[in-house]
Amino acid sequence: MNKIEIMREYNGHERQRINAFNGVLTSDKDLSKFVSEDRYGSYISYYRFNENQASTIVKQQLDYFNRRNVSFEWKTYSSDEPKNLPDCLLENGFTQEETESFMVLDLAMTDNIAVEESLITEVSDSQGIRDAIDVQEQVWGGDLEWQYRYLLALKKASPDSISIYVIYDNGQPVTSAWITFNGDSPFAGIWGGSTIQSHRGKGYYSLLLNKRIADAKTRGLKYLTIDASDMSKPIVSNRGFTVIATTTGYTSPTR
């Protein structure tokens, strides 16, 4: 797998062109950003500029979002320029999040694994999506209301752009995950992939992973991507995902 070429394709198809539901995509020569209609959920999608511009551009983006009274995330990729961007973000009060591995699966090089469909519920209404987000909040903490609204808006506006899955135990949502599709992009992205503490070790994460791999292959896509935590990385590595870069999120200072 040519990591440089994969990253170039991904940047063009996924970071510079995104599903701008529940917000707007704004681009100029230096960067692309998604501006959410909510207080949270905005982010810098793509960037590329010189090191001597970094401090100025960071301050410009802070001013842009502050004037709109919204928080935003700036996710850095180890493959991107400039290399001094993380230092500039920290110097301007951003909070550094955990580093993850941006990993890609060549779908032509992996086989389907039988999926026990009876354990999986695909959700599309407000209650089902709420259940999916409830799992995420239990696992990761915090208020993810903005994410609930984004997923609901995306599912309503473009139902073929996302599939959301929940595993229930006696009516309780215990695992959730989703997969997104972006128009004619050769990439699909998998997100969520979380199980509450009391139900780990039952293979639910792998079940939804294999389901989403099958979804992407059925659609004839070329690649599947994930930002993998240290917990997820060994599991997806066993399914053939390759590390292309590392990513680190930086959250803007609150006002």
C-alpha atoms as a PDB file:
ATOM      1  CA  MET A   1       0.000   0.000   0.000  1.00  0.00           C
ATOM      2  CA  ASN A   2       1.441   3.344  -1.100  1.00  0.00           C
ATOM      3  CA  LYS A   3       0.853   5.501   1.969  1.00  0.00           C
ATOM      4  CA  ILE A   4       1.640   8.806   0.224  1.00  0.00           C
ATOM      5  CA  GLU A   5      -0.794   8.080  -2.597  1.00  0.00           C
ATOM      6  CA  ILE A   6      -3.485   6.868  -0.185  1.00  0.00           C
ATOM      7  CA  MET A   7      -3.182  10.075   1.823  1.00  0.00           C
ATOM      8  CA  ARG A   8      -3.348  12.195  -1.322  1.00  0.00           C
ATOM      9  CA  GLU A   9      -6.545  10.431  -2.412  1.00  0.00           C
ATOM     10  CA  TYR A  10      -8.051  10.672   1.044  1.00  0.00           C
ATOM     11  CA  ASN A  11      -7.320  14.398   1.310  1.00  0.00           C
ATOM     12  CA  GLY A  12      -8.987  15.090  -2.013  1.00  0.00           C
ATOM     13  CA  HIS A  13     -12.052  12.927  -1.543  1.00  0.00           C
ATOM     14  CA  GLU A  14     -12.694  13.107   2.198  1.00  0.00           C
ATOM     15  CA  ARG A  15     -11.070  16.139   3.785  1.00  0.00           C
ATOM     16  CA  GLN A  16     -11.655  18.731   1.078  1.00  0.00           C
ATOM     17  CA  ARG A  17     -15.143  17.415   0.228  1.00  0.00           C
ATOM     18  CA  ILE A  18     -17.392  16.489   3.150  1.00  0.00           C
ATOM     19  CA  ASN A  19     -21.087  15.963   3.876  1.00  0.00           C
ATOM     20  CA  ALA A  20     -21.956  19.420   5.182  1.00  0.00           C
ATOM     21  CA  PHE A  21     -25.213  18.561   6.924  1.00  0.00           C
ATOM     22  CA  ASN A  22     -26.245  20.581   9.982  1.00  0.00           C
ATOM     23  CA  GLY A  23     -23.698  23.194   8.951  1.00  0.00           C
ATOM     24  CA  VAL A  24     -21.668  24.557   6.037  1.00  0.00           C
ATOM     25  CA  LEU A  25     -18.304  23.769   4.435  1.00  0.00           C
ATOM     26  CA  THR A  26     -16.071  26.787   3.883  1.00  0.00           C
ATOM     27  CA  SER A  27     -12.829  26.553   1.907  1.00  0.00           C
ATOM     28  CA  ASP A  28     -10.001  28.803   0.787  1.00  0.00           C
ATOM     29  CA  LYS A  29      -6.487  28.134  -0.493  1.00  0.00           C
ATOM     30  CA  ASP A  30      -5.119  27.399   2.987  1.00  0.00           C
ATOM     31  CA  LEU A  31      -7.773  25.210   4.584  1.00  0.00           C
ATOM     32  CA  SER A  32     -11.282  23.756   4.574  1.00  0.00           C
ATOM     33  CA  LYS A  33     -13.544  23.905   7.628  1.00  0.00           C
ATOM     34  CA  PHE A  34     -16.965  22.681   8.657  1.00  0.00           C
ATOM     35  CA  VAL A  35     -19.010  25.202  10.621  1.00  0.00           C
ATOM     36  CA  SER A  36     -21.755  23.497  12.603  1.00  0.00           C
ATOM     37  CA  GLU A  37     -25.120  25.025  13.395  1.00  0.00           C
ATOM     38  CA  ASP A  38     -24.555  23.805  16.961  1.00  0.00           C
ATOM     39  CA  ARG A  39     -22.245  25.145  19.656  1.00  0.00           C
ATOM     40  CA  TYR A  40     -20.086  22.041  19.165  1.00  0.00           C
ATOM     41  CA  GLY A  41     -19.235  19.901  16.152  1.00  0.00           C
ATOM     42  CA  SER A  42     -17.255  22.360  14.020  1.00  0.00           C
ATOM     43  CA  TYR A  43     -13.790  21.373  12.839  1.00  0.00           C
ATOM     44  CA  ILE A  44     -10.912  22.124  10.505  1.00  0.00           C
ATOM     45  CA  SER A  45     -11.168  19.467   7.809  1.00  0.00           C
ATOM     46  CA  TYR A  46      -8.066  20.112   5.691  1.00  0.00           C
ATOM     47  CA  TYR A  47      -5.087  22.456   5.814  1.00  0.00           C
ATOM     48  CA  ARG A  48      -1.786  23.055   4.107  1.00  0.00           C
ATOM     49  CA  PHE A  49       0.355  26.170   4.525  1.00  0.00           C
ATOM     50  CA  ASN A  50       3.893  27.273   5.363  1.00  0.00           C
ATOM     51  CA  GLU A  51       5.389  27.163   8.848  1.00  0.00           C
ATOM     52  CA  ASN A  52       5.770  30.933   8.952  1.00  0.00           C
ATOM     53  CA  GLN A  53       2.013  31.287   8.378  1.00  0.00           C
ATOM     54  CA  ALA A  54       0.965  28.892  11.133  1.00  0.00           C
ATOM     55  CA  SER A  55       0.613  31.275  14.050  1.00  0.00           C
ATOM     56  CA  THR A  56      -1.276  33.862  12.007  1.00  0.00           C
ATOM     57  CA  ILE A  57      -3.686  31.334  10.513  1.00  0.00           C
ATOM     58  CA  VAL A  58      -4.395  29.741  13.918  1.00  0.00           C
ATOM     59  CA  LYS A  59      -5.258  33.168  15.337  1.00  0.00           C
ATOM     60  CA  GLN A  60      -7.449  33.921  12.310  1.00  0.00           C
ATOM     61  CA  GLN A  61      -9.415  30.709  12.792  1.00  0.00           C
ATOM     62  CA  LEU A  62      -9.829  31.332  16.509  1.00  0.00           C
ATOM     63  CA  ASP A  63     -11.224  34.774  15.732  1.00  0.00           C
ATOM     64  CA  TYR A  64     -13.513  33.350  13.035  1.00  0.00           C
ATOM     65  CA  PHE A  65     -15.099  30.775  15.338  1.00  0.00           C
ATOM     66  CA  ASN A  66     -15.124  33.017  18.420  1.00  0.00           C
ATOM     67  CA  ARG A  67     -17.137  35.624  16.519  1.00  0.00           C
ATOM     68  CA  ARG A  68     -19.690  32.893  15.845  1.00  0.00           C
ATOM     69  CA  ASN A  69     -19.541  31.708  19.470  1.00  0.00           C
ATOM     70  CA  VAL A  70     -18.785  28.098  18.544  1.00  0.00           C
ATOM     71  CA  SER A  71     -16.094  25.674  19.644  1.00  0.00           C
ATOM     72  CA  PHE A  72     -14.106  23.709  17.068  1.00  0.00           C
ATOM     73  CA  GLU A  73     -11.593  20.898  16.729  1.00  0.00           C
ATOM     74  CA  TRP A  74      -8.391  21.074  14.704  1.00  0.00           C
ATOM     75  CA  LYS A  75      -7.246  17.555  13.934  1.00  0.00           C
ATOM     76  CA  THR A  76      -3.603  17.290  12.892  1.00  0.00           C
ATOM     77  CA  TYR A  77      -2.211  14.498  10.712  1.00  0.00           C
ATOM     78  CA  SER A  78       1.427  13.438  10.993  1.00  0.00           C
ATOM     79  CA  SER A  79       1.543  13.441   7.177  1.00  0.00           C
ATOM     80  CA  ASP A  80       0.517  17.120   6.914  1.00  0.00           C
ATOM     81  CA  GLU A  81       2.370  20.403   6.769  1.00  0.00           C
ATOM     82  CA  PRO A  82       3.296  22.515   8.626  1.00  0.00           C
ATOM     83  CA  LYS A  83       5.045  20.492  11.303  1.00  0.00           C
ATOM     84  CA  ASN A  84       4.980  23.372  13.801  1.00  0.00           C
ATOM     85  CA  LEU A  85       1.173  23.513  13.824  1.00  0.00           C
ATOM     86  CA  PRO A  86       0.743  21.482  17.065  1.00  0.00           C
ATOM     87  CA  ASP A  87       3.018  23.885  18.946  1.00  0.00           C
ATOM     88  CA  CYS A  88       1.095  26.869  17.574  1.00  0.00           C
ATOM     89  CA  LEU A  89      -2.211  25.357  18.661  1.00  0.00           C
ATOM     90  CA  LEU A  90      -0.961  24.728  22.191  1.00  0.00           C
ATOM     91  CA  GLU A  91       0.501  28.224  22.379  1.00  0.00           C
ATOM     92  CA  ASN A  92      -2.948  29.599  21.560  1.00  0.00           C
ATOM     93  CA  GLY A  93      -4.742  27.710  24.316  1.00  0.00           C
ATOM     94  CA  PHE A  94      -5.983  24.611  22.507  1.00  0.00           C
ATOM     95  CA  THR A  95      -6.411  21.408  24.517  1.00  0.00           C
ATOM     96  CA  GLN A  96      -4.604  18.352  23.146  1.00  0.00           C
ATOM     97  CA  GLU A  97      -6.583  15.112  22.901  1.00  0.00           C
ATOM     98  CA  GLU A  98      -5.371  11.526  22.630  1.00  0.00           C
ATOM     99  CA  THR A  99      -3.335  10.590  19.573  1.00  0.00           C
ATOM    100  CA  GLU A 100      -4.972   7.968  17.356  1.00  0.00           C
ATOM    101  CA  SER A 101      -3.890   5.934  14.345  1.00  0.00           C
ATOM    102  CA  PHE A 102      -5.395   6.795  10.967  1.00  0.00           C
ATOM    103  CA  MET A 103      -5.699   3.357   9.388  1.00  0.00           C
ATOM    104  CA  VAL A 104      -6.874   2.177   5.977  1.00  0.00           C
ATOM    105  CA  LEU A 105      -8.140  -1.196   4.792  1.00  0.00           C
ATOM    106  CA  ASP A 106      -7.757  -2.171   1.128  1.00  0.00           C
ATOM    107  CA  LEU A 107     -11.117  -3.875   0.666  1.00  0.00           C
ATOM    108  CA  ALA A 108      -9.888  -5.936  -2.287  1.00  0.00           C
ATOM    109  CA  MET A 109      -7.377  -7.609   0.036  1.00  0.00           C
ATOM    110  CA  THR A 110      -9.813  -8.769   2.721  1.00  0.00           C
ATOM    111  CA  ASP A 111     -12.491 -11.442   2.842  1.00  0.00           C
ATOM    112  CA  ASN A 112     -15.934 -11.166   4.355  1.00  0.00           C
ATOM    113  CA  ILE A 113     -16.474 -12.857   7.702  1.00  0.00           C
ATOM    114  CA  ALA A 114     -19.911 -14.258   8.465  1.00  0.00           C
ATOM    115  CA  VAL A 115     -21.949 -11.788  10.514  1.00  0.00           C
ATOM    116  CA  GLU A 116     -24.651 -12.770  12.990  1.00  0.00           C
ATOM    117  CA  GLU A 117     -27.195 -10.288  11.642  1.00  0.00           C
ATOM    118  CA  SER A 118     -29.813 -11.191  14.254  1.00  0.00           C
ATOM    119  CA  LEU A 119     -27.741  -9.470  16.954  1.00  0.00           C
ATOM    120  CA  ILE A 120     -27.528  -6.190  15.044  1.00  0.00           C
ATOM    121  CA  THR A 121     -30.198  -3.503  14.744  1.00  0.00           C
ATOM    122  CA  GLU A 122     -29.827  -0.844  12.077  1.00  0.00           C
ATOM    123  CA  VAL A 123     -31.383   2.349  13.436  1.00  0.00           C
ATOM    124  CA  SER A 124     -32.662   5.343  11.517  1.00  0.00           C
ATOM    125  CA  ASP A 125     -35.242   7.103  13.693  1.00  0.00           C
ATOM    126  CA  SER A 126     -34.660   9.568  16.499  1.00  0.00           C
ATOM    127  CA  GLN A 127     -34.935   6.970  19.301  1.00  0.00           C
ATOM    128  CA  GLY A 128     -32.546   4.530  17.648  1.00  0.00           C
ATOM    129  CA  ILE A 129     -29.961   7.222  16.986  1.00  0.00           C
ATOM    130  CA  ARG A 130     -30.397   8.439  20.556  1.00  0.00           C
ATOM    131  CA  ASP A 131     -29.622   4.896  21.732  1.00  0.00           C
ATOM    132  CA  ALA A 132     -26.453   4.888  19.615  1.00  0.00           C
ATOM    133  CA  ILE A 133     -25.312   8.157  21.171  1.00  0.00           C
ATOM    134  CA  ASP A 134     -26.223   7.004  24.691  1.00  0.00           C
ATOM    135  CA  VAL A 135     -23.642   4.244  24.297  1.00  0.00           C
ATOM    136  CA  GLN A 136     -21.017   6.765  23.165  1.00  0.00           C
ATOM    137  CA  GLU A 137     -21.738   9.026  26.134  1.00  0.00           C
ATOM    138  CA  GLN A 138     -21.446   6.132  28.582  1.00  0.00           C
ATOM    139  CA  VAL A 139     -18.109   5.054  27.108  1.00  0.00           C
ATOM    140  CA  TRP A 140     -16.489   8.438  26.490  1.00  0.00           C
ATOM    141  CA  GLY A 141     -18.339  10.770  28.841  1.00  0.00           C
ATOM    142  CA  GLY A 142     -19.580  14.260  28.113  1.00  0.00           C
ATOM    143  CA  ASP A 143     -22.669  15.607  26.395  1.00  0.00           C
ATOM    144  CA  LEU A 144     -22.842  14.463  22.760  1.00  0.00           C
ATOM    145  CA  GLU A 145     -26.151  16.108  21.929  1.00  0.00           C
ATOM    146  CA  TRP A 146     -24.494  17.874  18.983  1.00  0.00           C
ATOM    147  CA  GLN A 147     -23.423  14.505  17.573  1.00  0.00           C
ATOM    148  CA  TYR A 148     -26.945  13.137  17.963  1.00  0.00           C
ATOM    149  CA  ARG A 149     -28.345  16.092  16.011  1.00  0.00           C
ATOM    150  CA  TYR A 150     -25.683  15.740  13.320  1.00  0.00           C
ATOM    151  CA  LEU A 151     -26.327  12.014  12.791  1.00  0.00           C
ATOM    152  CA  LEU A 152     -30.089  12.550  12.767  1.00  0.00           C
ATOM    153  CA  ALA A 153     -29.804  15.395  10.240  1.00  0.00           C
ATOM    154  CA  LEU A 154     -27.487  13.353   8.025  1.00  0.00           C
ATOM    155  CA  LYS A 155     -29.751  10.291   8.132  1.00  0.00           C
ATOM    156  CA  LYS A 156     -32.822  12.358   7.258  1.00  0.00           C
ATOM    157  CA  ALA A 157     -31.196  14.440   4.515  1.00  0.00           C
ATOM    158  CA  SER A 158     -29.143  11.697   2.877  1.00  0.00           C
ATOM    159  CA  PRO A 159     -30.117   8.255   4.202  1.00  0.00           C
ATOM    160  CA  ASP A 160     -27.711   6.414   1.887  1.00  0.00           C
ATOM    161  CA  SER A 161     -24.767   8.396   3.303  1.00  0.00           C
ATOM    162  CA  ILE A 162     -24.751   6.644   6.657  1.00  0.00           C
ATOM    163  CA  SER A 163     -25.684   3.343   8.294  1.00  0.00           C
ATOM    164  CA  ILE A 164     -25.979   3.328  12.085  1.00  0.00           C
ATOM    165  CA  TYR A 165     -25.934   0.114  14.109  1.00  0.00           C
ATOM    166  CA  VAL A 166     -26.819  -0.723  17.702  1.00  0.00           C
ATOM    167  CA  ILE A 167     -26.552  -3.986  19.614  1.00  0.00           C
ATOM    168  CA  TYR A 168     -29.144  -4.355  22.375  1.00  0.00           C
ATOM    169  CA  ASP A 169     -29.161  -6.642  25.407  1.00  0.00           C
ATOM    170  CA  ASN A 170     -32.635  -7.010  26.935  1.00  0.00           C
ATOM    171  CA  GLY A 171     -33.621  -3.708  25.348  1.00  0.00           C
ATOM    172  CA  GLN A 172     -30.539  -1.856  26.606  1.00  0.00           C
ATOM    173  CA  PRO A 173     -28.192  -0.406  23.974  1.00  0.00           C
ATOM    174  CA  VAL A 174     -24.719  -1.786  24.741  1.00  0.00           C
ATOM    175  CA  THR A 175     -22.702  -1.278  21.535  1.00  0.00           C
ATOM    176  CA  SER A 176     -22.996   1.241  18.713  1.00  0.00           C
ATOM    177  CA  ALA A 177     -21.124   2.167  15.560  1.00  0.00           C
ATOM    178  CA  TRP A 178     -21.720   3.724  12.168  1.00  0.00           C
ATOM    179  CA  ILE A 179     -20.279   3.887   8.666  1.00  0.00           C
ATOM    180  CA  THR A 180     -20.347   6.934   6.384  1.00  0.00           C
ATOM    181  CA  PHE A 181     -20.249   7.214   2.610  1.00  0.00           C
ATOM    182  CA  ASN A 182     -19.310  10.395   0.777  1.00  0.00           C
ATOM    183  CA  GLY A 183     -20.758  10.570  -2.726  1.00  0.00           C
ATOM    184  CA  ASP A 184     -18.426   9.098  -5.336  1.00  0.00           C
ATOM    185  CA  SER A 185     -15.483   8.858  -2.944  1.00  0.00           C
ATOM    186  CA  PRO A 186     -13.671   5.484  -3.010  1.00  0.00           C
ATOM    187  CA  PHE A 187     -13.469   5.685   0.801  1.00  0.00           C
ATOM    188  CA  ALA A 188     -15.976   4.826   3.515  1.00  0.00           C
ATOM    189  CA  GLY A 189     -15.316   5.757   7.132  1.00  0.00           C
ATOM    190  CA  ILE A 190     -16.157   3.788  10.264  1.00  0.00           C
ATOM    191  CA  TRP A 191     -16.893   5.638  13.495  1.00  0.00           C
ATOM    192  CA  GLY A 192     -18.157   5.012  16.997  1.00  0.00           C
ATOM    193  CA  GLY A 193     -17.310   1.373  17.563  1.00  0.00           C
ATOM    194  CA  SER A 194     -17.899   1.491  21.329  1.00  0.00           C
ATOM    195  CA  THR A 195     -19.192  -1.009  23.907  1.00  0.00           C
ATOM    196  CA  ILE A 196     -20.179  -0.204  27.478  1.00  0.00           C
ATOM    197  CA  GLN A 197     -17.869  -1.647  30.108  1.00  0.00           C
ATOM    198  CA  SER A 198     -20.260  -4.348  31.367  1.00  0.00           C
ATOM    199  CA  HIS A 199     -20.598  -5.937  27.916  1.00  0.00           C
ATOM    200  CA  ARG A 200     -17.012  -5.981  26.674  1.00  0.00           C
ATOM    201  CA  GLY A 201     -15.324  -9.231  25.786  1.00  0.00           C
ATOM    202  CA  LYS A 202     -18.372 -10.620  23.961  1.00  0.00           C
ATOM    203  CA  GLY A 203     -17.162  -9.852  20.461  1.00  0.00           C
ATOM    204  CA  TYR A 204     -19.629  -7.046  19.816  1.00  0.00           C
ATOM    205  CA  TYR A 205     -16.987  -4.622  18.547  1.00  0.00           C
ATOM    206  CA  SER A 206     -15.694  -7.180  16.038  1.00  0.00           C
ATOM    207  CA  LEU A 207     -19.245  -8.023  15.006  1.00  0.00           C
ATOM    208  CA  LEU A 208     -19.995  -4.442  14.008  1.00  0.00           C
ATOM    209  CA  LEU A 209     -16.554  -4.096  12.446  1.00  0.00           C
ATOM    210  CA  ASN A 210     -17.193  -7.082  10.183  1.00  0.00           C
ATOM    211  CA  LYS A 211     -20.682  -5.806   9.370  1.00  0.00           C
ATOM    212  CA  ARG A 212     -19.300  -2.470   8.197  1.00  0.00           C
ATOM    213  CA  ILE A 213     -16.514  -4.116   6.176  1.00  0.00           C
ATOM    214  CA  ALA A 214     -19.216  -6.139   4.419  1.00  0.00           C
ATOM    215  CA  ASP A 215     -21.252  -2.959   3.811  1.00  0.00           C
ATOM    216  CA  ALA A 216     -18.315  -1.218   2.156  1.00  0.00           C
ATOM    217  CA  LYS A 217     -17.489  -4.224  -0.014  1.00  0.00           C
ATOM    218  CA  THR A 218     -21.140  -4.549  -1.076  1.00  0.00           C
ATOM    219  CA  ARG A 219     -21.051  -0.953  -2.302  1.00  0.00           C
ATOM    220  CA  GLY A 220     -17.959  -1.670  -4.351  1.00  0.00           C
ATOM    221  CA  LEU A 221     -15.745   0.764  -2.492  1.00  0.00           C
ATOM    222  CA  LYS A 222     -11.974   0.678  -2.527  1.00  0.00           C
ATOM    223  CA  TYR A 223     -10.970   1.616   1.010  1.00  0.00           C
ATOM    224  CA  LEU A 224     -12.297   1.670   4.555  1.00  0.00           C
ATOM    225  CA  THR A 225     -10.826   4.107   7.085  1.00  0.00           C
ATOM    226  CA  ILE A 226     -10.760   4.463  10.866  1.00  0.00           C
ATOM    227  CA  ASP A 227      -9.193   6.718  13.471  1.00  0.00           C
ATOM    228  CA  ALA A 228      -8.259   3.889  15.815  1.00  0.00           C
ATOM    229  CA  SER A 229      -7.662   4.252  19.529  1.00  0.00           C
ATOM    230  CA  ASP A 230      -5.049   2.112  21.235  1.00  0.00           C
ATOM    231  CA  MET A 231      -7.897  -0.206  22.288  1.00  0.00           C
ATOM    232  CA  SER A 232      -9.225  -0.640  18.742  1.00  0.00           C
ATOM    233  CA  LYS A 233      -5.919  -0.747  16.891  1.00  0.00           C
ATOM    234  CA  PRO A 234      -5.026  -4.432  17.566  1.00  0.00           C
ATOM    235  CA  ILE A 235      -8.496  -5.583  16.507  1.00  0.00           C
ATOM    236  CA  VAL A 236      -8.586  -3.678  13.228  1.00  0.00           C
ATOM    237  CA  SER A 237      -4.952  -4.570  12.514  1.00  0.00           C
ATOM    238  CA  ASN A 238      -5.958  -8.229  12.597  1.00  0.00           C
ATOM    239  CA  ARG A 239      -8.515  -7.476   9.901  1.00  0.00           C
ATOM    240  CA  GLY A 240      -5.877  -5.945   7.645  1.00  0.00           C
ATOM    241  CA  PHE A 241      -6.022  -2.226   8.415  1.00  0.00           C
ATOM    242  CA  THR A 242      -2.684  -0.450   7.886  1.00  0.00           C
ATOM    243  CA  VAL A 243      -1.457   2.650   9.729  1.00  0.00           C
ATOM    244  CA  ILE A 244      -1.117   5.531   7.261  1.00  0.00           C
ATOM    245  CA  ALA A 245      -0.572   8.382   9.732  1.00  0.00           C
ATOM    246  CA  THR A 246      -1.281   9.407  13.304  1.00  0.00           C
ATOM    247  CA  THR A 247      -3.907  11.992  14.169  1.00  0.00           C
ATOM    248  CA  THR A 248      -4.259  14.261  17.184  1.00  0.00           C
ATOM    249  CA  GLY A 249      -7.238  16.444  17.919  1.00  0.00           C
ATOM    250  CA  TYR A 250      -6.892  19.882  19.460  1.00  0.00           C
ATOM    251  CA  THR A 251      -9.990  21.542  20.951  1.00  0.00           C
ATOM    252  CA  SER A 252     -10.281  25.310  20.861  1.00  0.00           C
ATOM    253  CA  PRO A 253     -10.269  27.186  24.185  1.00  0.00           C
ATOM    254  CA  THR A 254     -13.730  27.878  25.612  1.00  0.00           C
ATOM    255  CA  ARG A 255     -14.860  31.431  26.102  1.00  0.00           C
END
